[in-house]
C-alpha atoms as a PDB file:
ATOM      1  CA  MET A   1      38.596  16.241 -70.043  1.00  0.00           C
ATOM      2  CA  THR A   2      36.613  17.163 -73.140  1.00  0.00           C
ATOM      3  CA  VAL A   3      34.716  20.389 -73.395  1.00  0.00           C
ATOM      4  CA  ILE A   4      31.106  20.093 -74.432  1.00  0.00           C
ATOM      5  CA  PRO A   5      29.659  23.293 -75.869  1.00  0.00           C
ATOM      6  CA  LYS A   6      26.437  24.575 -74.420  1.00  0.00           C
ATOM      7  CA  PRO A   7      23.441  24.300 -76.706  1.00  0.00           C
ATOM      8  CA  LYS A   8      22.218  27.559 -78.139  1.00  0.00           C
ATOM      9  CA  ALA A   9      19.193  28.888 -76.366  1.00  0.00           C
ATOM     10  CA  SER A  10      16.427  28.865 -78.909  1.00  0.00           C
ATOM     11  CA  LYS A  11      13.873  31.316 -77.671  1.00  0.00           C
ATOM     12  CA  VAL A  12      10.672  31.222 -79.592  1.00  0.00           C
ATOM     13  CA  THR A  13       9.213  34.691 -79.570  1.00  0.00           C
ATOM     14  CA  VAL A  14       5.585  35.179 -80.353  1.00  0.00           C
ATOM     15  CA  VAL A  15       5.138  38.311 -82.394  1.00  0.00           C
ATOM     16  CA  GLY A  16       1.848  40.120 -82.143  1.00  0.00           C
ATOM     17  CA  PRO A  17      -0.183  40.954 -85.214  1.00  0.00           C
ATOM     18  CA  LYS A  18       0.615  44.081 -87.220  1.00  0.00           C
ATOM     19  CA  LEU A  19      -2.410  46.317 -87.725  1.00  0.00           C
ATOM     20  CA  THR A  20      -2.838  48.826 -90.518  1.00  0.00           C
ATOM     21  CA  GLU A  21      -4.373  52.265 -90.227  1.00  0.00           C
ATOM     22  CA  THR A  22      -7.664  51.025 -91.698  1.00  0.00           C
ATOM     23  CA  ASN A  23      -7.846  48.305 -89.027  1.00  0.00           C
ATOM     24  CA  TYR A  24      -7.453  50.937 -86.305  1.00  0.00           C
ATOM     25  CA  LEU A  25     -10.178  53.094 -87.886  1.00  0.00           C
ATOM     26  CA  GLU A  26     -12.604  50.172 -88.226  1.00  0.00           C
ATOM     27  CA  ASN A  27     -11.988  49.077 -84.631  1.00  0.00           C
ATOM     28  CA  GLY A  28     -12.553  52.643 -83.425  1.00  0.00           C
ATOM     29  CA  GLU A  29     -15.835  52.933 -85.334  1.00  0.00           C
ATOM     30  CA  ARG A  30     -17.163  49.666 -83.902  1.00  0.00           C
ATOM     31  CA  ILE A  31     -16.144  50.623 -80.363  1.00  0.00           C
ATOM     32  CA  GLY A  32     -17.844  54.016 -80.783  1.00  0.00           C
ATOM     33  CA  GLU A  33     -21.049  52.374 -82.045  1.00  0.00           C
ATOM     34  CA  SER A  34     -21.047  50.006 -79.088  1.00  0.00           C
ATOM     35  CA  LYS A  35     -20.673  52.859 -76.612  1.00  0.00           C
ATOM     36  CA  GLU A  36     -23.237  55.108 -78.303  1.00  0.00           C
ATOM     37  CA  PHE A  37     -25.964  52.573 -79.091  1.00  0.00           C
ATOM     38  CA  GLY A  38     -25.252  49.827 -76.537  1.00  0.00           C
ATOM     39  CA  VAL A  39     -24.430  47.236 -79.209  1.00  0.00           C
ATOM     40  CA  GLU A  40     -22.670  44.069 -78.046  1.00  0.00           C
ATOM     41  CA  VAL A  41     -19.235  43.533 -79.611  1.00  0.00           C
ATOM     42  CA  GLU A  42     -16.571  40.835 -79.531  1.00  0.00           C
ATOM     43  CA  ILE A  43     -13.119  42.222 -78.740  1.00  0.00           C
ATOM     44  CA  THR A  44     -10.052  40.101 -79.433  1.00  0.00           C
ATOM     45  CA  MET A  45      -6.856  41.168 -77.722  1.00  0.00           C
ATOM     46  CA  PHE A  46      -3.265  39.935 -77.773  1.00  0.00           C
ATOM     47  CA  ALA A  47      -1.498  40.090 -74.409  1.00  0.00           C
ATOM     48  CA  GLN A  48       1.080  37.938 -72.646  1.00  0.00           C
ATOM     49  CA  LYS A  49       1.800  35.987 -75.865  1.00  0.00           C
ATOM     50  CA  ARG A  50      -1.768  34.735 -76.319  1.00  0.00           C
ATOM     51  CA  TYR A  51      -5.116  35.790 -77.738  1.00  0.00           C
ATOM     52  CA  GLU A  52      -8.192  36.393 -75.586  1.00  0.00           C
ATOM     53  CA  SER A  53     -11.742  37.233 -76.661  1.00  0.00           C
ATOM     54  CA  PHE A  54     -14.396  39.085 -74.697  1.00  0.00           C
ATOM     55  CA  THR A  55     -18.004  39.708 -75.726  1.00  0.00           C
ATOM     56  CA  GLY A  56     -19.877  42.586 -74.138  1.00  0.00           C
ATOM     57  CA  VAL A  57     -20.979  46.215 -74.293  1.00  0.00           C
ATOM     58  CA  VAL A  58     -18.534  49.126 -74.058  1.00  0.00           C
ATOM     59  CA  ILE A  59     -19.322  51.237 -70.983  1.00  0.00           C
ATOM     60  CA  GLU A  60     -16.514  53.755 -70.779  1.00  0.00           C
ATOM     61  CA  ILE A  61     -13.494  54.847 -72.801  1.00  0.00           C
ATOM     62  CA  GLU A  62     -10.608  56.544 -71.003  1.00  0.00           C
ATOM     63  CA  ASP A  63      -8.533  58.242 -73.699  1.00  0.00           C
ATOM     64  CA  GLN A  64      -5.878  59.612 -71.370  1.00  0.00           C
ATOM     65  CA  ARG A  65      -4.971  56.218 -69.927  1.00  0.00           C
ATOM     66  CA  GLY A  66      -5.903  54.176 -73.016  1.00  0.00           C
ATOM     67  CA  ILE A  67      -8.290  51.892 -71.156  1.00  0.00           C
ATOM     68  CA  LEU A  68     -11.610  50.529 -72.362  1.00  0.00           C
ATOM     69  CA  SER A  69     -14.268  49.337 -69.879  1.00  0.00           C
ATOM     70  CA  LEU A  70     -16.357  46.441 -71.154  1.00  0.00           C
ATOM     71  CA  GLN A  71     -19.420  44.982 -69.425  1.00  0.00           C
ATOM     72  CA  VAL A  72     -19.521  41.193 -69.783  1.00  0.00           C
ATOM     73  CA  GLY A  73     -22.646  39.907 -68.075  1.00  0.00           C
ATOM     74  CA  TYR A  74     -22.482  41.375 -64.569  1.00  0.00           C
ATOM     75  CA  ASP A  75     -18.696  41.840 -64.642  1.00  0.00           C
ATOM     76  CA  ASN A  76     -16.775  44.920 -65.750  1.00  0.00           C
ATOM     77  CA  ILE A  77     -13.491  44.261 -67.539  1.00  0.00           C
ATOM     78  CA  LYS A  78     -10.839  46.883 -68.256  1.00  0.00           C
ATOM     79  CA  ILE A  79      -8.838  46.351 -71.460  1.00  0.00           C
ATOM     80  CA  ASN A  80      -5.718  48.177 -72.602  1.00  0.00           C
ATOM     81  CA  MET A  81      -6.581  49.643 -76.009  1.00  0.00           C
ATOM     82  CA  ASN A  82      -3.046  49.039 -77.306  1.00  0.00           C
ATOM     83  CA  ASN A  83      -3.636  45.286 -77.044  1.00  0.00           C
ATOM     84  CA  ILE A  84      -6.842  45.199 -79.116  1.00  0.00           C
ATOM     85  CA  VAL A  85      -6.475  43.200 -82.338  1.00  0.00           C
ATOM     86  CA  SER A  86     -10.018  43.154 -83.715  1.00  0.00           C
ATOM     87  CA  VAL A  87     -13.561  44.227 -82.880  1.00  0.00           C
ATOM     88  CA  LYS A  88     -16.533  42.387 -84.384  1.00  0.00           C
END
């Protein structure tokens, strides 16, 4: 009986984007403007190995929990601030 070696498991890991300090500052400024003046923003986030985009107005920012509440139409969406990639 011949022994056949098992194939190596090739896991493809999707690595999230690396943000610099200036990116964090710019995102924070845009989120603050949206909350203060009611400006609509597009937030792109990276979660569960994929990108998602939401367009809406920031309603509430919970610093302690790190959650951002975004109003998209008539729906309220809660986003983890650690997953935010860009704000336009």
